[in-house]
Amino acid sequence: MREHLDNGRPLLVLLDDARRHVPLLREEWQAAPHRLVRQLVGVRRGDVPGDTDELVEVRLPFLDWLPDAHRERAAQFLAESDAALSRTPMALLPPLLAEEPRHGAAPGPRFARRLLPHALTADRFEAAVRHLFADAPRPCAAAATVCEASR
């Protein structure tokens, strides 16, 4: 991903579940490597509220691997798409809601949300990725790789 970001290559970031809180079973939390737990959530494994709860909600950083400008665009896309989705009946939603390209914006990843994941077969998803990056300065070779991984 770093290579795609650094070289302006086409990159589609799916924000399927952009929740910042992820439910984990207490045993999953306790089995996670200590270094990973501290790095991801900034707390020690023992600092989890609700000692008797079966589920633990862990707060994950929002797209912390992206540069700030791209992360801000992702948050803006989520807010705009949430507003649009709240006004649109489910039967009228597309399987994939993609961020519109912004003229004059710095090259970077595009963001999308899979609204109806079962409607997107690997072939349909690959075609959508190729379409989204049809005007990219470099051909999109990632679509086939992404689709192969999802099969």
N, C-alpha and C. Protein backbone atom coordinates (compact mmCIF):
# COMPACT_ATOMS: atom_id res chain seq x y z
N MET A 1 0.82 -1.18 0.00
CA MET A 1 0.00 0.00 0.00
C MET A 1 0.87 1.25 0.00
N ARG A 2 1.97 1.18 0.74
CA ARG A 2 2.85 2.35 0.81
C ARG A 2 3.36 2.71 -0.58
N GLU A 3 3.70 1.69 -1.39
CA GLU A 3 4.19 1.92 -2.75
C GLU A 3 3.11 2.61 -3.59
N HIS A 4 1.88 2.17 -3.47
CA HIS A 4 0.78 2.80 -4.21
C HIS A 4 0.60 4.25 -3.78
N LEU A 5 0.67 4.51 -2.49
CA LEU A 5 0.52 5.88 -1.99
C LEU A 5 1.68 6.76 -2.45
N ASP A 6 2.90 6.27 -2.29
CA ASP A 6 4.08 7.07 -2.61
C ASP A 6 4.21 7.35 -4.10
N ASN A 7 3.76 6.42 -4.95
CA ASN A 7 3.93 6.57 -6.39
C ASN A 7 2.67 7.01 -7.11
N GLY A 8 1.63 7.34 -6.37
CA GLY A 8 0.39 7.79 -6.99
C GLY A 8 -0.32 6.72 -7.79
N ARG A 9 -0.09 5.47 -7.46
CA ARG A 9 -0.76 4.37 -8.15
C ARG A 9 -2.21 4.27 -7.68
N PRO A 10 -3.07 3.70 -8.52
CA PRO A 10 -4.47 3.55 -8.12
C PRO A 10 -4.61 2.67 -6.87
N LEU A 11 -5.41 3.15 -5.92
CA LEU A 11 -5.65 2.42 -4.69
C LEU A 11 -7.09 2.67 -4.26
N LEU A 12 -7.85 1.62 -4.09
CA LEU A 12 -9.23 1.73 -3.63
C LEU A 12 -9.27 1.23 -2.20
N VAL A 13 -9.76 2.08 -1.30
CA VAL A 13 -9.87 1.72 0.11
C VAL A 13 -11.35 1.51 0.41
N LEU A 14 -11.70 0.28 0.78
CA LEU A 14 -13.08 -0.04 1.11
C LEU A 14 -13.33 0.24 2.58
N LEU A 15 -14.31 1.06 2.83
CA LEU A 15 -14.67 1.43 4.19
C LEU A 15 -15.96 0.68 4.56
N ASP A 16 -15.91 -0.64 4.45
CA ASP A 16 -17.10 -1.44 4.71
C ASP A 16 -17.62 -1.25 6.13
N ASP A 17 -16.73 -1.31 7.06
CA ASP A 17 -17.12 -1.21 8.45
C ASP A 17 -16.16 -0.24 9.11
N ALA A 18 -16.53 1.01 9.09
CA ALA A 18 -15.62 2.05 9.56
C ALA A 18 -15.80 2.34 11.03
N ARG A 19 -16.40 1.42 11.75
CA ARG A 19 -16.56 1.63 13.19
C ARG A 19 -15.19 1.75 13.84
N ARG A 20 -15.13 2.58 14.82
CA ARG A 20 -13.87 2.73 15.54
C ARG A 20 -13.82 1.78 16.73
N HIS A 21 -14.93 1.15 17.05
CA HIS A 21 -14.97 0.19 18.14
C HIS A 21 -15.25 -1.20 17.56
N VAL A 22 -14.40 -2.13 17.91
CA VAL A 22 -14.53 -3.49 17.40
C VAL A 22 -14.81 -4.41 18.58
N PRO A 23 -15.89 -5.17 18.52
CA PRO A 23 -16.16 -6.10 19.63
C PRO A 23 -15.25 -7.33 19.53
N LEU A 24 -14.67 -7.70 20.64
CA LEU A 24 -13.84 -8.90 20.72
C LEU A 24 -14.33 -9.73 21.90
N LEU A 25 -14.23 -11.02 21.77
CA LEU A 25 -14.46 -11.87 22.93
C LEU A 25 -13.31 -11.62 23.91
N ARG A 26 -13.62 -11.70 25.19
CA ARG A 26 -12.59 -11.45 26.20
C ARG A 26 -11.38 -12.36 25.98
N GLU A 27 -11.61 -13.61 25.59
CA GLU A 27 -10.48 -14.53 25.38
C GLU A 27 -9.63 -14.11 24.18
N GLU A 28 -10.25 -13.49 23.14
CA GLU A 28 -9.47 -12.99 22.00
C GLU A 28 -8.59 -11.83 22.45
N TRP A 29 -9.15 -10.94 23.26
CA TRP A 29 -8.41 -9.80 23.78
C TRP A 29 -7.22 -10.27 24.60
N GLN A 30 -7.46 -11.25 25.46
CA GLN A 30 -6.40 -11.74 26.34
C GLN A 30 -5.33 -12.50 25.57
N ALA A 31 -5.67 -13.09 24.42
CA ALA A 31 -4.70 -13.85 23.63
C ALA A 31 -3.90 -12.97 22.68
N ALA A 32 -4.32 -11.72 22.48
CA ALA A 32 -3.61 -10.83 21.55
C ALA A 32 -2.23 -10.50 22.08
N PRO A 33 -1.22 -10.42 21.19
CA PRO A 33 0.13 -10.05 21.63
C PRO A 33 0.13 -8.68 22.31
N HIS A 34 0.81 -8.59 23.44
CA HIS A 34 0.83 -7.37 24.24
C HIS A 34 1.27 -6.15 23.43
N ARG A 35 2.34 -6.31 22.63
CA ARG A 35 2.86 -5.19 21.84
C ARG A 35 1.81 -4.68 20.85
N LEU A 36 1.09 -5.59 20.23
CA LEU A 36 0.05 -5.22 19.28
C LEU A 36 -1.09 -4.48 19.97
N VAL A 37 -1.50 -4.97 21.12
CA VAL A 37 -2.59 -4.34 21.87
C VAL A 37 -2.22 -2.91 22.23
N ARG A 38 -1.01 -2.72 22.76
CA ARG A 38 -0.58 -1.38 23.15
C ARG A 38 -0.46 -0.47 21.93
N GLN A 39 0.08 -1.00 20.83
CA GLN A 39 0.27 -0.20 19.61
C GLN A 39 -1.08 0.21 19.02
N LEU A 40 -2.03 -0.70 18.96
CA LEU A 40 -3.31 -0.42 18.33
C LEU A 40 -4.22 0.45 19.18
N VAL A 41 -4.31 0.16 20.45
CA VAL A 41 -5.30 0.85 21.27
C VAL A 41 -4.69 1.67 22.40
N GLY A 42 -3.40 1.61 22.59
CA GLY A 42 -2.74 2.45 23.56
C GLY A 42 -3.03 2.11 25.00
N VAL A 43 -3.44 0.89 25.28
CA VAL A 43 -3.69 0.48 26.66
C VAL A 43 -3.06 -0.87 26.91
N ARG A 44 -2.92 -1.18 28.19
CA ARG A 44 -2.44 -2.51 28.55
C ARG A 44 -3.63 -3.46 28.54
N ARG A 45 -3.35 -4.71 28.34
CA ARG A 45 -4.39 -5.73 28.26
C ARG A 45 -5.26 -5.74 29.52
N GLY A 46 -4.71 -5.48 30.67
CA GLY A 46 -5.48 -5.50 31.91
C GLY A 46 -6.37 -4.29 32.12
N ASP A 47 -6.18 -3.25 31.31
CA ASP A 47 -6.94 -2.01 31.48
C ASP A 47 -8.26 -2.01 30.71
N VAL A 48 -8.97 -3.11 30.77
CA VAL A 48 -10.23 -3.21 30.05
C VAL A 48 -11.36 -3.11 31.05
N PRO A 49 -12.29 -2.17 30.83
CA PRO A 49 -13.41 -2.04 31.76
C PRO A 49 -14.33 -3.25 31.69
N GLY A 50 -15.07 -3.46 32.73
CA GLY A 50 -16.07 -4.53 32.74
C GLY A 50 -15.43 -5.90 32.82
N ASP A 51 -14.79 -6.20 33.94
CA ASP A 51 -14.07 -7.47 34.08
C ASP A 51 -14.94 -8.70 33.86
N THR A 52 -16.25 -8.57 34.04
CA THR A 52 -17.11 -9.75 33.90
C THR A 52 -17.79 -9.82 32.54
N ASP A 53 -17.65 -8.80 31.72
CA ASP A 53 -18.28 -8.81 30.40
C ASP A 53 -17.62 -9.83 29.50
N GLU A 54 -18.44 -10.54 28.71
CA GLU A 54 -17.92 -11.52 27.76
C GLU A 54 -17.30 -10.83 26.54
N LEU A 55 -17.90 -9.69 26.13
CA LEU A 55 -17.39 -8.92 25.00
C LEU A 55 -16.64 -7.69 25.48
N VAL A 56 -15.56 -7.39 24.79
CA VAL A 56 -14.76 -6.20 25.07
C VAL A 56 -14.79 -5.34 23.82
N GLU A 57 -15.10 -4.06 23.96
CA GLU A 57 -15.06 -3.17 22.80
C GLU A 57 -13.71 -2.47 22.77
N VAL A 58 -12.99 -2.68 21.66
CA VAL A 58 -11.66 -2.11 21.51
C VAL A 58 -11.76 -0.97 20.51
N ARG A 59 -11.22 0.17 20.87
CA ARG A 59 -11.21 1.34 19.98
C ARG A 59 -9.96 1.28 19.12
N LEU A 60 -10.17 1.20 17.80
CA LEU A 60 -9.05 1.15 16.87
C LEU A 60 -8.85 2.52 16.22
N PRO A 61 -7.62 2.86 15.91
CA PRO A 61 -7.37 4.13 15.21
C PRO A 61 -8.01 4.09 13.82
N PHE A 62 -8.49 5.23 13.36
CA PHE A 62 -9.14 5.33 12.07
C PHE A 62 -8.10 5.54 10.98
N LEU A 63 -7.90 4.51 10.15
CA LEU A 63 -7.00 4.58 8.99
C LEU A 63 -5.66 5.23 9.33
N ASP A 64 -5.07 4.83 10.44
CA ASP A 64 -3.83 5.46 10.90
C ASP A 64 -2.65 5.24 9.97
N TRP A 65 -2.78 4.37 9.00
CA TRP A 65 -1.70 4.11 8.05
C TRP A 65 -1.73 5.10 6.89
N LEU A 66 -2.78 5.91 6.79
CA LEU A 66 -2.88 6.90 5.72
C LEU A 66 -2.34 8.25 6.17
N PRO A 67 -1.77 9.03 5.26
CA PRO A 67 -1.40 10.40 5.60
C PRO A 67 -2.65 11.19 6.00
N ASP A 68 -2.45 12.23 6.80
CA ASP A 68 -3.57 13.01 7.36
C ASP A 68 -4.55 13.50 6.31
N ALA A 69 -4.06 14.03 5.20
CA ALA A 69 -4.96 14.60 4.18
C ALA A 69 -5.90 13.52 3.62
N HIS A 70 -5.39 12.32 3.39
CA HIS A 70 -6.22 11.23 2.88
C HIS A 70 -7.19 10.74 3.95
N ARG A 71 -6.72 10.69 5.19
CA ARG A 71 -7.59 10.26 6.29
C ARG A 71 -8.75 11.24 6.46
N GLU A 72 -8.48 12.53 6.31
CA GLU A 72 -9.53 13.54 6.40
C GLU A 72 -10.54 13.38 5.26
N ARG A 73 -10.05 13.08 4.05
CA ARG A 73 -10.96 12.83 2.93
C ARG A 73 -11.83 11.61 3.19
N ALA A 74 -11.25 10.57 3.76
CA ALA A 74 -12.01 9.36 4.08
C ALA A 74 -13.11 9.68 5.09
N ALA A 75 -12.78 10.45 6.11
CA ALA A 75 -13.78 10.82 7.11
C ALA A 75 -14.88 11.67 6.48
N GLN A 76 -14.51 12.57 5.59
CA GLN A 76 -15.49 13.40 4.90
C GLN A 76 -16.40 12.54 4.01
N PHE A 77 -15.81 11.57 3.29
CA PHE A 77 -16.60 10.67 2.45
C PHE A 77 -17.58 9.87 3.31
N LEU A 78 -17.12 9.38 4.45
CA LEU A 78 -18.01 8.63 5.34
C LEU A 78 -19.18 9.49 5.80
N ALA A 79 -18.89 10.72 6.20
CA ALA A 79 -19.96 11.60 6.67
C ALA A 79 -20.95 11.91 5.55
N GLU A 80 -20.43 12.23 4.37
CA GLU A 80 -21.30 12.53 3.23
C GLU A 80 -22.12 11.31 2.81
N SER A 81 -21.49 10.15 2.80
CA SER A 81 -22.22 8.95 2.39
C SER A 81 -23.24 8.54 3.45
N ASP A 82 -22.92 8.72 4.72
CA ASP A 82 -23.91 8.44 5.78
C ASP A 82 -25.15 9.31 5.60
N ALA A 83 -24.93 10.59 5.28
CA ALA A 83 -26.05 11.50 5.07
C ALA A 83 -26.88 11.07 3.88
N ALA A 84 -26.22 10.71 2.78
CA ALA A 84 -26.95 10.26 1.58
C ALA A 84 -27.69 8.96 1.86
N LEU A 85 -27.06 8.05 2.58
CA LEU A 85 -27.69 6.76 2.86
C LEU A 85 -28.89 6.90 3.78
N SER A 86 -28.87 7.89 4.66
CA SER A 86 -30.00 8.08 5.57
C SER A 86 -31.24 8.59 4.82
N ARG A 87 -31.04 9.15 3.62
CA ARG A 87 -32.16 9.68 2.83
C ARG A 87 -32.62 8.73 1.74
N THR A 88 -31.94 7.60 1.56
CA THR A 88 -32.21 6.72 0.43
C THR A 88 -32.71 5.36 0.91
N PRO A 89 -33.84 4.90 0.40
CA PRO A 89 -34.31 3.56 0.78
C PRO A 89 -33.32 2.47 0.32
N MET A 90 -33.18 1.43 1.10
CA MET A 90 -32.23 0.35 0.82
C MET A 90 -32.42 -0.23 -0.59
N ALA A 91 -33.64 -0.34 -1.06
CA ALA A 91 -33.90 -0.93 -2.37
C ALA A 91 -33.32 -0.09 -3.51
N LEU A 92 -33.02 1.17 -3.26
CA LEU A 92 -32.48 2.04 -4.30
C LEU A 92 -30.97 2.24 -4.20
N LEU A 93 -30.33 1.54 -3.30
CA LEU A 93 -28.89 1.70 -3.13
C LEU A 93 -28.10 0.85 -4.12
N PRO A 94 -26.96 1.38 -4.57
CA PRO A 94 -26.09 0.58 -5.45
C PRO A 94 -25.29 -0.40 -4.59
N PRO A 95 -24.75 -1.45 -5.19
CA PRO A 95 -23.92 -2.38 -4.41
C PRO A 95 -22.63 -1.73 -3.89
N LEU A 96 -22.12 -0.75 -4.65
CA LEU A 96 -20.87 -0.08 -4.28
C LEU A 96 -21.08 1.43 -4.39
N LEU A 97 -20.81 2.13 -3.32
CA LEU A 97 -20.89 3.59 -3.32
C LEU A 97 -19.47 4.12 -3.29
N ALA A 98 -19.06 4.80 -4.36
CA ALA A 98 -17.68 5.25 -4.50
C ALA A 98 -17.58 6.76 -4.40
N GLU A 99 -16.49 7.21 -3.83
CA GLU A 99 -16.18 8.63 -3.74
C GLU A 99 -16.01 9.19 -5.15
N GLU A 100 -16.60 10.33 -5.38
CA GLU A 100 -16.42 11.00 -6.67
C GLU A 100 -15.02 11.61 -6.72
N PRO A 101 -14.37 11.54 -7.88
CA PRO A 101 -13.05 12.18 -7.98
C PRO A 101 -13.19 13.68 -7.80
N ARG A 102 -12.26 14.27 -7.10
CA ARG A 102 -12.30 15.72 -6.86
C ARG A 102 -11.24 16.39 -7.73
N HIS A 103 -11.71 17.23 -8.62
CA HIS A 103 -10.79 17.91 -9.52
C HIS A 103 -9.90 18.85 -8.73
N GLY A 104 -8.62 18.82 -9.06
CA GLY A 104 -7.66 19.67 -8.38
C GLY A 104 -7.11 19.07 -7.10
N ALA A 105 -7.68 17.94 -6.65
CA ALA A 105 -7.18 17.31 -5.44
C ALA A 105 -5.91 16.54 -5.74
N ALA A 106 -5.07 16.42 -4.74
CA ALA A 106 -3.82 15.67 -4.90
C ALA A 106 -4.16 14.21 -5.19
N PRO A 107 -3.33 13.54 -6.02
CA PRO A 107 -3.61 12.12 -6.30
C PRO A 107 -3.52 11.32 -5.01
N GLY A 108 -4.31 10.33 -4.94
CA GLY A 108 -4.31 9.49 -3.74
C GLY A 108 -5.36 8.42 -3.88
N PRO A 109 -5.61 7.73 -2.80
CA PRO A 109 -6.58 6.65 -2.87
C PRO A 109 -8.00 7.17 -3.07
N ARG A 110 -8.84 6.32 -3.61
CA ARG A 110 -10.28 6.60 -3.67
C ARG A 110 -10.93 5.74 -2.61
N PHE A 111 -12.03 6.22 -2.09
CA PHE A 111 -12.72 5.52 -1.03
C PHE A 111 -14.07 5.03 -1.52
N ALA A 112 -14.50 3.89 -1.01
CA ALA A 112 -15.79 3.33 -1.40
C ALA A 112 -16.34 2.52 -0.23
N ARG A 113 -17.64 2.28 -0.31
CA ARG A 113 -18.32 1.44 0.67
C ARG A 113 -19.11 0.38 -0.07
N ARG A 114 -18.95 -0.87 0.33
CA ARG A 114 -19.77 -1.95 -0.23
C ARG A 114 -21.07 -1.96 0.56
N LEU A 115 -22.15 -1.56 -0.10
CA LEU A 115 -23.44 -1.49 0.59
C LEU A 115 -24.18 -2.82 0.53
N LEU A 116 -24.02 -3.52 -0.57
CA LEU A 116 -24.66 -4.82 -0.76
C LEU A 116 -23.57 -5.81 -1.15
N PRO A 117 -22.78 -6.29 -0.19
CA PRO A 117 -21.60 -7.09 -0.51
C PRO A 117 -21.90 -8.35 -1.32
N HIS A 118 -23.04 -8.98 -1.10
CA HIS A 118 -23.33 -10.22 -1.81
C HIS A 118 -23.66 -9.98 -3.28
N ALA A 119 -23.97 -8.73 -3.64
CA ALA A 119 -24.27 -8.41 -5.04
C ALA A 119 -22.99 -8.22 -5.84
N LEU A 120 -21.85 -8.13 -5.18
CA LEU A 120 -20.58 -7.90 -5.87
C LEU A 120 -19.79 -9.20 -5.98
N THR A 121 -19.93 -9.87 -7.09
CA THR A 121 -19.08 -11.03 -7.35
C THR A 121 -17.68 -10.52 -7.64
N ALA A 122 -16.72 -11.39 -7.64
CA ALA A 122 -15.34 -10.99 -7.92
C ALA A 122 -15.23 -10.32 -9.28
N ASP A 123 -15.92 -10.86 -10.29
CA ASP A 123 -15.87 -10.27 -11.63
C ASP A 123 -16.48 -8.88 -11.65
N ARG A 124 -17.60 -8.71 -10.98
CA ARG A 124 -18.25 -7.39 -10.93
C ARG A 124 -17.40 -6.39 -10.18
N PHE A 125 -16.77 -6.85 -9.11
CA PHE A 125 -15.92 -5.95 -8.34
C PHE A 125 -14.70 -5.54 -9.15
N GLU A 126 -14.10 -6.49 -9.85
CA GLU A 126 -12.95 -6.18 -10.70
C GLU A 126 -13.33 -5.16 -11.78
N ALA A 127 -14.49 -5.34 -12.40
CA ALA A 127 -14.95 -4.40 -13.42
C ALA A 127 -15.17 -3.01 -12.81
N ALA A 128 -15.70 -2.97 -11.60
CA ALA A 128 -15.92 -1.68 -10.93
C ALA A 128 -14.59 -0.97 -10.65
N VAL A 129 -13.60 -1.72 -10.19
CA VAL A 129 -12.29 -1.13 -9.91
C VAL A 129 -11.66 -0.60 -11.19
N ARG A 130 -11.73 -1.36 -12.25
CA ARG A 130 -11.18 -0.89 -13.53
C ARG A 130 -11.90 0.38 -14.00
N HIS A 131 -13.20 0.43 -13.82
CA HIS A 131 -13.97 1.61 -14.22
C HIS A 131 -13.60 2.82 -13.37
N LEU A 132 -13.47 2.63 -12.06
CA LEU A 132 -13.14 3.74 -11.17
C LEU A 132 -11.78 4.35 -11.49
N PHE A 133 -10.86 3.53 -12.00
CA PHE A 133 -9.51 4.01 -12.28
C PHE A 133 -9.20 4.05 -13.78
N ALA A 134 -10.23 4.14 -14.60
CA ALA A 134 -10.04 4.15 -16.05
C ALA A 134 -9.19 5.35 -16.50
N ASP A 135 -9.30 6.47 -15.81
CA ASP A 135 -8.56 7.68 -16.19
C ASP A 135 -7.26 7.85 -15.42
N ALA A 136 -6.87 6.83 -14.67
CA ALA A 136 -5.64 6.93 -13.88
C ALA A 136 -4.44 6.99 -14.81
N PRO A 137 -3.38 7.72 -14.40
CA PRO A 137 -2.19 7.83 -15.25
C PRO A 137 -1.50 6.49 -15.48
N ARG A 138 -1.68 5.56 -14.57
CA ARG A 138 -1.10 4.22 -14.73
C ARG A 138 -2.24 3.22 -14.77
N PRO A 139 -2.09 2.15 -15.53
CA PRO A 139 -3.16 1.15 -15.56
C PRO A 139 -3.35 0.51 -14.19
N CYS A 140 -4.56 0.12 -13.93
CA CYS A 140 -4.87 -0.49 -12.64
C CYS A 140 -4.62 -1.98 -12.70
N ALA A 141 -3.51 -2.41 -12.15
CA ALA A 141 -3.17 -3.83 -12.13
C ALA A 141 -3.64 -4.48 -10.85
N ALA A 142 -4.10 -3.68 -9.89
CA ALA A 142 -4.46 -4.22 -8.59
C ALA A 142 -5.81 -4.92 -8.59
N ALA A 143 -6.67 -4.61 -9.55
CA ALA A 143 -8.01 -5.17 -9.54
C ALA A 143 -7.97 -6.70 -9.56
N ALA A 144 -7.17 -7.27 -10.41
CA ALA A 144 -7.11 -8.73 -10.49
C ALA A 144 -6.55 -9.32 -9.19
N THR A 145 -5.56 -8.66 -8.62
CA THR A 145 -4.97 -9.15 -7.37
C THR A 145 -5.98 -9.11 -6.26
N VAL A 146 -6.70 -7.98 -6.15
CA VAL A 146 -7.71 -7.84 -5.10
C VAL A 146 -8.79 -8.89 -5.27
N CYS A 147 -9.25 -9.07 -6.50
CA CYS A 147 -10.32 -10.02 -6.74
C CYS A 147 -9.87 -11.45 -6.50
N GLU A 148 -8.64 -11.77 -6.83
CA GLU A 148 -8.14 -13.12 -6.58
C GLU A 148 -8.11 -13.38 -5.07
N ALA A 149 -7.71 -12.37 -4.29
CA ALA A 149 -7.64 -12.54 -2.85
C ALA A 149 -9.00 -12.71 -2.22
N SER A 150 -10.04 -12.16 -2.84
CA SER A 150 -11.37 -12.23 -2.25
C SER A 150 -12.14 -13.49 -2.62
N ARG A 151 -11.60 -14.30 -3.49
CA ARG A 151 -12.32 -15.54 -3.91
C ARG A 151 -12.20 -16.63 -2.88
